[in-house]
Amino acid sequence: IAGIVSEKRSSNEIRDKVKLMCSALQHGGPDDEGIFEDEELHL
């Protein structure tokens, strides 16, 4: 698992960075990937 909560970053940047984090973790979760976003809370 991975995640970011940050008012300092745009929603696009947060999503991109979480995807990078998940990419580094792919070996531990090879069967599926998912992302949830709350753009209003920058999460």
All heavy atoms as atom14 arrays in JSON, in Angstrom:
{
  "sequence": "IAGIVSEKRSSNEIRDKVKLMCSALQHGGPDDEGIFEDEELHL",
  "atom14_mask": [
    [1, 1, 1, 1, 1, 1, 1, 1, 0, 0, 0, 0, 0, 0],
    [1, 1, 1, 1, 1, 0, 0, 0, 0, 0, 0, 0, 0, 0],
    [1, 1, 1, 1, 0, 0, 0, 0, 0, 0, 0, 0, 0, 0],
    [1, 1, 1, 1, 1, 1, 1, 1, 0, 0, 0, 0, 0, 0],
    [1, 1, 1, 1, 1, 1, 1, 0, 0, 0, 0, 0, 0, 0],
    [1, 1, 1, 1, 1, 1, 0, 0, 0, 0, 0, 0, 0, 0],
    [1, 1, 1, 1, 1, 1, 1, 1, 1, 0, 0, 0, 0, 0],
    [1, 1, 1, 1, 1, 1, 1, 1, 1, 0, 0, 0, 0, 0],
    [1, 1, 1, 1, 1, 1, 1, 1, 1, 1, 1, 0, 0, 0],
    [1, 1, 1, 1, 1, 1, 0, 0, 0, 0, 0, 0, 0, 0],
    [1, 1, 1, 1, 1, 1, 0, 0, 0, 0, 0, 0, 0, 0],
    [1, 1, 1, 1, 1, 1, 1, 1, 0, 0, 0, 0, 0, 0],
    [1, 1, 1, 1, 1, 1, 1, 1, 1, 0, 0, 0, 0, 0],
    [1, 1, 1, 1, 1, 1, 1, 1, 0, 0, 0, 0, 0, 0],
    [1, 1, 1, 1, 1, 1, 1, 1, 1, 1, 1, 0, 0, 0],
    [1, 1, 1, 1, 1, 1, 1, 1, 0, 0, 0, 0, 0, 0],
    [1, 1, 1, 1, 1, 1, 1, 1, 1, 0, 0, 0, 0, 0],
    [1, 1, 1, 1, 1, 1, 1, 0, 0, 0, 0, 0, 0, 0],
    [1, 1, 1, 1, 1, 1, 1, 1, 1, 0, 0, 0, 0, 0],
    [1, 1, 1, 1, 1, 1, 1, 1, 0, 0, 0, 0, 0, 0],
    [1, 1, 1, 1, 1, 1, 1, 1, 0, 0, 0, 0, 0, 0],
    [1, 1, 1, 1, 1, 1, 0, 0, 0, 0, 0, 0, 0, 0],
    [1, 1, 1, 1, 1, 1, 0, 0, 0, 0, 0, 0, 0, 0],
    [1, 1, 1, 1, 1, 0, 0, 0, 0, 0, 0, 0, 0, 0],
    [1, 1, 1, 1, 1, 1, 1, 1, 0, 0, 0, 0, 0, 0],
    [1, 1, 1, 1, 1, 1, 1, 1, 1, 0, 0, 0, 0, 0],
    [1, 1, 1, 1, 1, 1, 1, 1, 1, 1, 0, 0, 0, 0],
    [1, 1, 1, 1, 0, 0, 0, 0, 0, 0, 0, 0, 0, 0],
    [1, 1, 1, 1, 0, 0, 0, 0, 0, 0, 0, 0, 0, 0],
    [1, 1, 1, 1, 1, 1, 1, 0, 0, 0, 0, 0, 0, 0],
    [1, 1, 1, 1, 1, 1, 1, 1, 0, 0, 0, 0, 0, 0],
    [1, 1, 1, 1, 1, 1, 1, 1, 0, 0, 0, 0, 0, 0],
    [1, 1, 1, 1, 1, 1, 1, 1, 1, 0, 0, 0, 0, 0],
    [1, 1, 1, 1, 0, 0, 0, 0, 0, 0, 0, 0, 0, 0],
    [1, 1, 1, 1, 1, 1, 1, 1, 0, 0, 0, 0, 0, 0],
    [1, 1, 1, 1, 1, 1, 1, 1, 1, 1, 1, 0, 0, 0],
    [1, 1, 1, 1, 1, 1, 1, 1, 1, 0, 0, 0, 0, 0],
    [1, 1, 1, 1, 1, 1, 1, 1, 0, 0, 0, 0, 0, 0],
    [1, 1, 1, 1, 1, 1, 1, 1, 1, 0, 0, 0, 0, 0],
    [1, 1, 1, 1, 1, 1, 1, 1, 1, 0, 0, 0, 0, 0],
    [1, 1, 1, 1, 1, 1, 1, 1, 0, 0, 0, 0, 0, 0],
    [1, 1, 1, 1, 1, 1, 1, 1, 1, 1, 0, 0, 0, 0],
    [1, 1, 1, 1, 1, 1, 1, 1, 0, 0, 0, 0, 0, 0]
  ],
  "atom14_positions": [
    [[0.84, -1.2, 0.0], [0.0, 0.0, 0.0], [0.87, 1.25, 0.0], [2.05, 1.21, 0.38], [-0.95, 0.03, 1.21], [-0.17, 0.12, 2.53], [-1.85, -1.2, 1.21], [-1.06, 0.3, 3.76], [0.0, 0.0, 0.0], [0.0, 0.0, 0.0], [0.0, 0.0, 0.0], [0.0, 0.0, 0.0], [0.0, 0.0, 0.0], [0.0, 0.0, 0.0]],
    [[0.28, 2.36, -0.44], [0.97, 3.65, -0.46], [-0.07, 4.75, -0.51], [-1.24, 4.51, -0.86], [1.91, 3.74, -1.66], [0.0, 0.0, 0.0], [0.0, 0.0, 0.0], [0.0, 0.0, 0.0], [0.0, 0.0, 0.0], [0.0, 0.0, 0.0], [0.0, 0.0, 0.0], [0.0, 0.0, 0.0], [0.0, 0.0, 0.0], [0.0, 0.0, 0.0]],
    [[0.33, 5.98, -0.18], [-0.6, 7.08, -0.27], [0.02, 8.41, 0.1], [1.1, 8.46, 0.7], [0.0, 0.0, 0.0], [0.0, 0.0, 0.0], [0.0, 0.0, 0.0], [0.0, 0.0, 0.0], [0.0, 0.0, 0.0], [0.0, 0.0, 0.0], [0.0, 0.0, 0.0], [0.0, 0.0, 0.0], [0.0, 0.0, 0.0], [0.0, 0.0, 0.0]],
    [[-0.67, 9.47, -0.27], [-0.23, 10.84, 0.01], [-1.44, 11.69, 0.37], [-2.5, 11.58, -0.27], [0.47, 11.47, -1.22], [1.72, 10.67, -1.61], [0.86, 12.93, -0.94], [2.37, 11.17, -2.9], [0.0, 0.0, 0.0], [0.0, 0.0, 0.0], [0.0, 0.0, 0.0], [0.0, 0.0, 0.0], [0.0, 0.0, 0.0], [0.0, 0.0, 0.0]],
    [[-1.28, 12.52, 1.38], [-2.24, 13.58, 1.71], [-1.44, 14.87, 1.74], [-0.54, 15.02, 2.57], [-2.91, 13.35, 3.07], [-3.9, 14.47, 3.36], [-3.6, 11.99, 3.12], [0.0, 0.0, 0.0], [0.0, 0.0, 0.0], [0.0, 0.0, 0.0], [0.0, 0.0, 0.0], [0.0, 0.0, 0.0], [0.0, 0.0, 0.0], [0.0, 0.0, 0.0]],
    [[-1.76, 15.82, 0.85], [-0.93, 17.03, 0.77], [-1.68, 18.18, 0.11], [-2.06, 18.1, -1.06], [0.35, 16.74, -0.04], [1.13, 17.91, -0.17], [0.0, 0.0, 0.0], [0.0, 0.0, 0.0], [0.0, 0.0, 0.0], [0.0, 0.0, 0.0], [0.0, 0.0, 0.0], [0.0, 0.0, 0.0], [0.0, 0.0, 0.0], [0.0, 0.0, 0.0]],
    [[-1.87, 19.24, 0.88], [-2.46, 20.47, 0.32], [-1.46, 21.2, -0.57], [-1.84, 22.04, -1.38], [-2.92, 21.39, 1.46], [-4.12, 20.9, 2.24], [-5.43, 21.12, 1.5], [-5.4, 21.8, 0.46], [-6.46, 20.58, 1.95], [0.0, 0.0, 0.0], [0.0, 0.0, 0.0], [0.0, 0.0, 0.0], [0.0, 0.0, 0.0], [0.0, 0.0, 0.0]],
    [[-0.18, 20.88, -0.44], [0.86, 21.6, -1.18], [0.96, 21.17, -2.63], [1.51, 21.87, -3.46], [2.22, 21.38, -0.52], [2.33, 21.82, 0.92], [3.75, 21.7, 1.42], [4.29, 20.3, 1.25], [5.7, 20.19, 1.73], [0.0, 0.0, 0.0], [0.0, 0.0, 0.0], [0.0, 0.0, 0.0], [0.0, 0.0, 0.0], [0.0, 0.0, 0.0]],
    [[0.42, 19.99, -2.94], [0.59, 19.43, -4.27], [-0.74, 19.4, -5.02], [-1.81, 19.28, -4.42], [1.16, 18.01, -4.19], [2.49, 17.92, -3.44], [2.98, 16.48, -3.4], [4.12, 16.32, -2.5], [5.39, 16.48, -2.86], [5.67, 16.82, -4.11], [6.37, 16.32, -1.98], [0.0, 0.0, 0.0], [0.0, 0.0, 0.0], [0.0, 0.0, 0.0]],
    [[-0.67, 19.46, -6.34], [-1.87, 19.35, -7.16], [-2.35, 17.9, -7.16], [-1.59, 16.98, -6.86], [-1.57, 19.79, -8.59], [-0.71, 18.87, -9.23], [0.0, 0.0, 0.0], [0.0, 0.0, 0.0], [0.0, 0.0, 0.0], [0.0, 0.0, 0.0], [0.0, 0.0, 0.0], [0.0, 0.0, 0.0], [0.0, 0.0, 0.0], [0.0, 0.0, 0.0]],
    [[-3.6, 17.71, -7.51], [-4.15, 16.36, -7.57], [-3.41, 15.51, -8.58], [-3.16, 14.32, -8.35], [-5.64, 16.42, -7.93], [-6.37, 17.09, -6.92], [0.0, 0.0, 0.0], [0.0, 0.0, 0.0], [0.0, 0.0, 0.0], [0.0, 0.0, 0.0], [0.0, 0.0, 0.0], [0.0, 0.0, 0.0], [0.0, 0.0, 0.0], [0.0, 0.0, 0.0]],
    [[-3.04, 16.09, -9.7], [-2.31, 15.34, -10.72], [-0.95, 14.88, -10.2], [-0.52, 13.74, -10.45], [-2.11, 16.2, -11.98], [-3.4, 16.37, -12.77], [-4.35, 15.6, -12.6], [-3.45, 17.4, -13.6], [0.0, 0.0, 0.0], [0.0, 0.0, 0.0], [0.0, 0.0, 0.0], [0.0, 0.0, 0.0], [0.0, 0.0, 0.0], [0.0, 0.0, 0.0]],
    [[-0.27, 15.78, -9.48], [1.05, 15.43, -8.96], [0.92, 14.33, -7.91], [1.74, 13.39, -7.88], [1.74, 16.65, -8.35], [3.15, 16.36, -7.85], [3.81, 17.55, -7.16], [3.12, 18.56, -6.92], [5.0, 17.44, -6.82], [0.0, 0.0, 0.0], [0.0, 0.0, 0.0], [0.0, 0.0, 0.0], [0.0, 0.0, 0.0], [0.0, 0.0, 0.0]],
    [[-0.08, 14.43, -7.05], [-0.28, 13.41, -6.02], [-0.55, 12.06, -6.67], [0.04, 11.04, -6.29], [-1.44, 13.82, -5.09], [-1.04, 15.02, -4.23], [-1.85, 12.64, -4.2], [-2.16, 15.58, -3.39], [0.0, 0.0, 0.0], [0.0, 0.0, 0.0], [0.0, 0.0, 0.0], [0.0, 0.0, 0.0], [0.0, 0.0, 0.0], [0.0, 0.0, 0.0]],
    [[-1.44, 12.05, -7.66], [-1.76, 10.79, -8.33], [-0.52, 10.2, -9.0], [-0.25, 9.0, -8.89], [-2.84, 11.02, -9.38], [-3.23, 9.73, -10.12], [-4.34, 9.96, -11.13], [-3.95, 10.9, -12.16], [-4.4, 12.15, -12.28], [-5.28, 12.62, -11.41], [-3.99, 12.94, -13.25], [0.0, 0.0, 0.0], [0.0, 0.0, 0.0], [0.0, 0.0, 0.0]],
    [[0.25, 11.02, -9.67], [1.45, 10.53, -10.36], [2.47, 9.96, -9.38], [3.1, 8.93, -9.64], [2.09, 11.66, -11.17], [1.24, 12.06, -12.39], [0.33, 11.28, -12.74], [1.49, 13.14, -12.95], [0.0, 0.0, 0.0], [0.0, 0.0, 0.0], [0.0, 0.0, 0.0], [0.0, 0.0, 0.0], [0.0, 0.0, 0.0], [0.0, 0.0, 0.0]],
    [[2.62, 10.63, -8.24], [3.59, 10.15, -7.27], [3.13, 8.86, -6.59], [3.94, 7.97, -6.3], [3.9, 11.23, -6.23], [4.78, 12.35, -6.79], [5.28, 13.28, -5.71], [6.24, 14.32, -6.27], [7.5, 13.7, -6.79], [0.0, 0.0, 0.0], [0.0, 0.0, 0.0], [0.0, 0.0, 0.0], [0.0, 0.0, 0.0], [0.0, 0.0, 0.0]],
    [[1.84, 8.73, -6.32], [1.33, 7.49, -5.76], [1.5, 6.35, -6.75], [1.83, 5.22, -6.37], [-0.15, 7.65, -5.34], [-0.76, 6.29, -4.97], [-0.26, 8.6, -4.14], [0.0, 0.0, 0.0], [0.0, 0.0, 0.0], [0.0, 0.0, 0.0], [0.0, 0.0, 0.0], [0.0, 0.0, 0.0], [0.0, 0.0, 0.0], [0.0, 0.0, 0.0]],
    [[1.32, 6.62, -8.03], [1.56, 5.59, -9.04], [3.02, 5.18, -9.06], [3.35, 4.0, -9.24], [1.12, 6.09, -10.41], [-0.39, 6.12, -10.61], [-0.77, 6.52, -12.03], [-2.27, 6.43, -12.23], [-2.66, 6.81, -13.61], [0.0, 0.0, 0.0], [0.0, 0.0, 0.0], [0.0, 0.0, 0.0], [0.0, 0.0, 0.0], [0.0, 0.0, 0.0]],
    [[3.93, 6.14, -8.88], [5.35, 5.8, -8.81], [5.64, 4.95, -7.58], [6.44, 4.0, -7.65], [6.18, 7.09, -8.76], [6.36, 7.86, -10.06], [7.06, 9.2, -9.79], [7.19, 7.04, -11.06], [0.0, 0.0, 0.0], [0.0, 0.0, 0.0], [0.0, 0.0, 0.0], [0.0, 0.0, 0.0], [0.0, 0.0, 0.0], [0.0, 0.0, 0.0]],
    [[5.0, 5.28, -6.47], [5.19, 4.47, -5.25], [4.7, 3.04, -5.48], [5.36, 2.07, -5.11], [4.43, 5.11, -4.08], [4.95, 6.49, -3.69], [3.92, 7.29, -2.43], [4.66, 6.64, -0.94], [0.0, 0.0, 0.0], [0.0, 0.0, 0.0], [0.0, 0.0, 0.0], [0.0, 0.0, 0.0], [0.0, 0.0, 0.0], [0.0, 0.0, 0.0]],
    [[3.54, 2.91, -6.11], [2.99, 1.58, -6.39], [3.87, 0.8, -7.35], [4.01, -0.42, -7.22], [1.57, 1.7, -6.95], [0.34, 2.19, -5.73], [0.0, 0.0, 0.0], [0.0, 0.0, 0.0], [0.0, 0.0, 0.0], [0.0, 0.0, 0.0], [0.0, 0.0, 0.0], [0.0, 0.0, 0.0], [0.0, 0.0, 0.0], [0.0, 0.0, 0.0]],
    [[4.47, 1.51, -8.29], [5.37, 0.85, -9.23], [6.55, 0.22, -8.51], [6.99, -0.88, -8.85], [5.87, 1.85, -10.27], [6.81, 1.26, -11.14], [0.0, 0.0, 0.0], [0.0, 0.0, 0.0], [0.0, 0.0, 0.0], [0.0, 0.0, 0.0], [0.0, 0.0, 0.0], [0.0, 0.0, 0.0], [0.0, 0.0, 0.0], [0.0, 0.0, 0.0]],
    [[7.05, 0.91, -7.48], [8.16, 0.37, -6.69], [7.75, -0.82, -5.84], [8.59, -1.56, -5.35], [8.74, 1.47, -5.79], [0.0, 0.0, 0.0], [0.0, 0.0, 0.0], [0.0, 0.0, 0.0], [0.0, 0.0, 0.0], [0.0, 0.0, 0.0], [0.0, 0.0, 0.0], [0.0, 0.0, 0.0], [0.0, 0.0, 0.0], [0.0, 0.0, 0.0]],
    [[6.43, -1.02, -5.68], [5.9, -2.09, -4.84], [5.28, -3.23, -5.64], [4.68, -4.14, -5.05], [4.84, -1.51, -3.89], [5.3, -0.39, -2.95], [4.09, 0.24, -2.24], [6.29, -0.92, -1.92], [0.0, 0.0, 0.0], [0.0, 0.0, 0.0], [0.0, 0.0, 0.0], [0.0, 0.0, 0.0], [0.0, 0.0, 0.0], [0.0, 0.0, 0.0]],
    [[5.42, -3.2, -6.94], [4.72, -4.15, -7.8], [5.04, -5.6, -7.46], [4.18, -6.48, -7.54], [5.05, -3.88, -9.26], [4.32, -4.78, -10.24], [4.57, -4.4, -11.68], [5.22, -3.41, -11.96], [4.05, -5.18, -12.6], [0.0, 0.0, 0.0], [0.0, 0.0, 0.0], [0.0, 0.0, 0.0], [0.0, 0.0, 0.0], [0.0, 0.0, 0.0]],
    [[6.28, -5.88, -7.06], [6.69, -7.26, -6.74], [5.84, -7.87, -5.64], [5.59, -9.07, -5.61], [8.16, -7.3, -6.33], [8.48, -6.3, -5.25], [8.92, -5.02, -5.54], [8.42, -6.37, -3.89], [9.13, -4.37, -4.4], [8.83, -5.16, -3.4], [0.0, 0.0, 0.0], [0.0, 0.0, 0.0], [0.0, 0.0, 0.0], [0.0, 0.0, 0.0]],
    [[5.39, -7.02, -4.69], [4.61, -7.51, -3.56], [3.12, -7.59, -3.83], [2.37, -8.12, -3.01], [0.0, 0.0, 0.0], [0.0, 0.0, 0.0], [0.0, 0.0, 0.0], [0.0, 0.0, 0.0], [0.0, 0.0, 0.0], [0.0, 0.0, 0.0], [0.0, 0.0, 0.0], [0.0, 0.0, 0.0], [0.0, 0.0, 0.0], [0.0, 0.0, 0.0]],
    [[2.69, -7.07, -4.97], [1.28, -7.13, -5.34], [1.13, -7.27, -6.84], [0.74, -6.34, -7.54], [0.0, 0.0, 0.0], [0.0, 0.0, 0.0], [0.0, 0.0, 0.0], [0.0, 0.0, 0.0], [0.0, 0.0, 0.0], [0.0, 0.0, 0.0], [0.0, 0.0, 0.0], [0.0, 0.0, 0.0], [0.0, 0.0, 0.0], [0.0, 0.0, 0.0]],
    [[1.47, -8.46, -7.36], [1.52, -8.64, -8.81], [0.16, -8.83, -9.49], [0.09, -8.82, -10.72], [2.38, -9.9, -8.97], [2.11, -10.68, -7.72], [1.94, -9.66, -6.64], [0.0, 0.0, 0.0], [0.0, 0.0, 0.0], [0.0, 0.0, 0.0], [0.0, 0.0, 0.0], [0.0, 0.0, 0.0], [0.0, 0.0, 0.0], [0.0, 0.0, 0.0]],
    [[-0.92, -9.02, -8.7], [-2.19, -9.43, -9.3], [-3.08, -8.28, -9.73], [-3.94, -8.46, -10.59], [-2.96, -10.31, -8.3], [-2.22, -11.6, -7.98], [-1.44, -12.06, -8.84], [-2.41, -12.15, -6.88], [0.0, 0.0, 0.0], [0.0, 0.0, 0.0], [0.0, 0.0, 0.0], [0.0, 0.0, 0.0], [0.0, 0.0, 0.0], [0.0, 0.0, 0.0]],
    [[-2.9, -7.09, -9.14], [-3.83, -5.99, -9.45], [-3.26, -4.69, -8.9], [-2.43, -4.7, -7.98], [-5.21, -6.26, -8.8], [-6.29, -5.3, -9.25], [-6.12, -4.67, -10.32], [-7.32, -5.19, -8.55], [0.0, 0.0, 0.0], [0.0, 0.0, 0.0], [0.0, 0.0, 0.0], [0.0, 0.0, 0.0], [0.0, 0.0, 0.0], [0.0, 0.0, 0.0]],
    [[-3.71, -3.56, -9.47], [-3.34, -2.24, -8.97], [-4.57, -1.36, -8.93], [-5.46, -1.47, -9.78], [-2.27, -1.58, -9.85], [-1.89, -0.17, -9.36], [-0.8, 0.49, -10.2], [0.35, 0.05, -10.09], [-1.13, 1.42, -10.95], [0.0, 0.0, 0.0], [0.0, 0.0, 0.0], [0.0, 0.0, 0.0], [0.0, 0.0, 0.0], [0.0, 0.0, 0.0]],
    [[-4.64, -0.49, -7.92], [-5.76, 0.44, -7.83], [-5.33, 1.75, -7.22], [-4.39, 1.81, -6.43], [0.0, 0.0, 0.0], [0.0, 0.0, 0.0], [0.0, 0.0, 0.0], [0.0, 0.0, 0.0], [0.0, 0.0, 0.0], [0.0, 0.0, 0.0], [0.0, 0.0, 0.0], [0.0, 0.0, 0.0], [0.0, 0.0, 0.0], [0.0, 0.0, 0.0]],
    [[-6.02, 2.83, -7.62], [-5.79, 4.17, -7.08], [-7.13, 4.76, -6.71], [-8.09, 4.7, -7.49], [-5.09, 5.09, -8.11], [-3.75, 4.51, -8.57], [-4.91, 6.5, -7.52], [-2.64, 4.6, -7.57], [0.0, 0.0, 0.0], [0.0, 0.0, 0.0], [0.0, 0.0, 0.0], [0.0, 0.0, 0.0], [0.0, 0.0, 0.0], [0.0, 0.0, 0.0]],
    [[-7.23, 5.35, -5.51], [-8.39, 6.13, -5.12], [-7.95, 7.57, -4.88], [-6.91, 7.81, -4.26], [-9.03, 5.59, -3.84], [-9.94, 6.58, -3.16], [-11.16, 6.92, -3.71], [-9.55, 7.22, -1.98], [-11.98, 7.85, -3.1], [-10.36, 8.15, -1.36], [-11.59, 8.48, -1.93], [0.0, 0.0, 0.0], [0.0, 0.0, 0.0], [0.0, 0.0, 0.0]],
    [[-8.76, 8.53, -5.37], [-8.42, 9.94, -5.19], [-9.61, 10.7, -4.61], [-10.76, 10.44, -4.96], [-8.06, 10.59, -6.52], [-6.88, 9.99, -7.24], [-6.7, 10.64, -8.6], [-6.21, 11.79, -8.65], [-7.07, 10.01, -9.6], [0.0, 0.0, 0.0], [0.0, 0.0, 0.0], [0.0, 0.0, 0.0], [0.0, 0.0, 0.0], [0.0, 0.0, 0.0]],
    [[-9.31, 11.64, -3.75], [-10.25, 12.67, -3.33], [-9.59, 14.0, -3.66], [-8.74, 14.49, -2.91], [-10.56, 12.56, -1.83], [-11.66, 13.52, -1.38], [-11.66, 14.67, -1.86], [-12.5, 13.11, -0.56], [0.0, 0.0, 0.0], [0.0, 0.0, 0.0], [0.0, 0.0, 0.0], [0.0, 0.0, 0.0], [0.0, 0.0, 0.0], [0.0, 0.0, 0.0]],
    [[-9.93, 14.55, -4.79], [-9.25, 15.74, -5.28], [-9.47, 16.94, -4.37], [-8.58, 17.8, -4.23], [-9.71, 16.06, -6.7], [-9.33, 15.0, -7.72], [-9.66, 15.4, -9.14], [-10.19, 16.53, -9.33], [-9.41, 14.61, -10.06], [0.0, 0.0, 0.0], [0.0, 0.0, 0.0], [0.0, 0.0, 0.0], [0.0, 0.0, 0.0], [0.0, 0.0, 0.0]],
    [[-10.64, 17.0, -3.74], [-10.92, 18.14, -2.86], [-10.0, 18.15, -1.65], [-9.54, 19.2, -1.2], [-12.39, 18.08, -2.41], [-12.8, 19.28, -1.57], [-14.27, 19.22, -1.19], [-15.05, 18.54, -1.88], [-14.63, 19.87, -0.18], [0.0, 0.0, 0.0], [0.0, 0.0, 0.0], [0.0, 0.0, 0.0], [0.0, 0.0, 0.0], [0.0, 0.0, 0.0]],
    [[-9.7, 16.98, -1.11], [-8.83, 16.88, 0.06], [-7.38, 16.63, -0.31], [-6.54, 16.46, 0.57], [-9.31, 15.76, 0.98], [-10.52, 16.09, 1.88], [-10.86, 14.9, 2.76], [-10.27, 17.31, 2.74], [0.0, 0.0, 0.0], [0.0, 0.0, 0.0], [0.0, 0.0, 0.0], [0.0, 0.0, 0.0], [0.0, 0.0, 0.0], [0.0, 0.0, 0.0]],
    [[-7.09, 16.58, -1.6], [-5.71, 16.33, -2.06], [-5.17, 15.04, -1.46], [-4.1, 15.0, -0.86], [-4.8, 17.51, -1.71], [-5.17, 18.78, -2.42], [-4.52, 19.22, -3.54], [-6.15, 19.69, -2.17], [-5.06, 20.36, -3.95], [-6.06, 20.66, -3.13], [0.0, 0.0, 0.0], [0.0, 0.0, 0.0], [0.0, 0.0, 0.0], [0.0, 0.0, 0.0]],
    [[-5.95, 13.98, -1.63], [-5.61, 12.67, -1.07], [-5.62, 11.62, -2.17], [-6.48, 11.66, -3.07], [-6.62, 12.3, 0.02], [-6.6, 10.89, 0.62], [-7.09, 10.93, 2.07], [-7.49, 9.92, -0.17], [0.0, 0.0, 0.0], [0.0, 0.0, 0.0], [0.0, 0.0, 0.0], [0.0, 0.0, 0.0], [0.0, 0.0, 0.0], [0.0, 0.0, 0.0]]
  ]
}
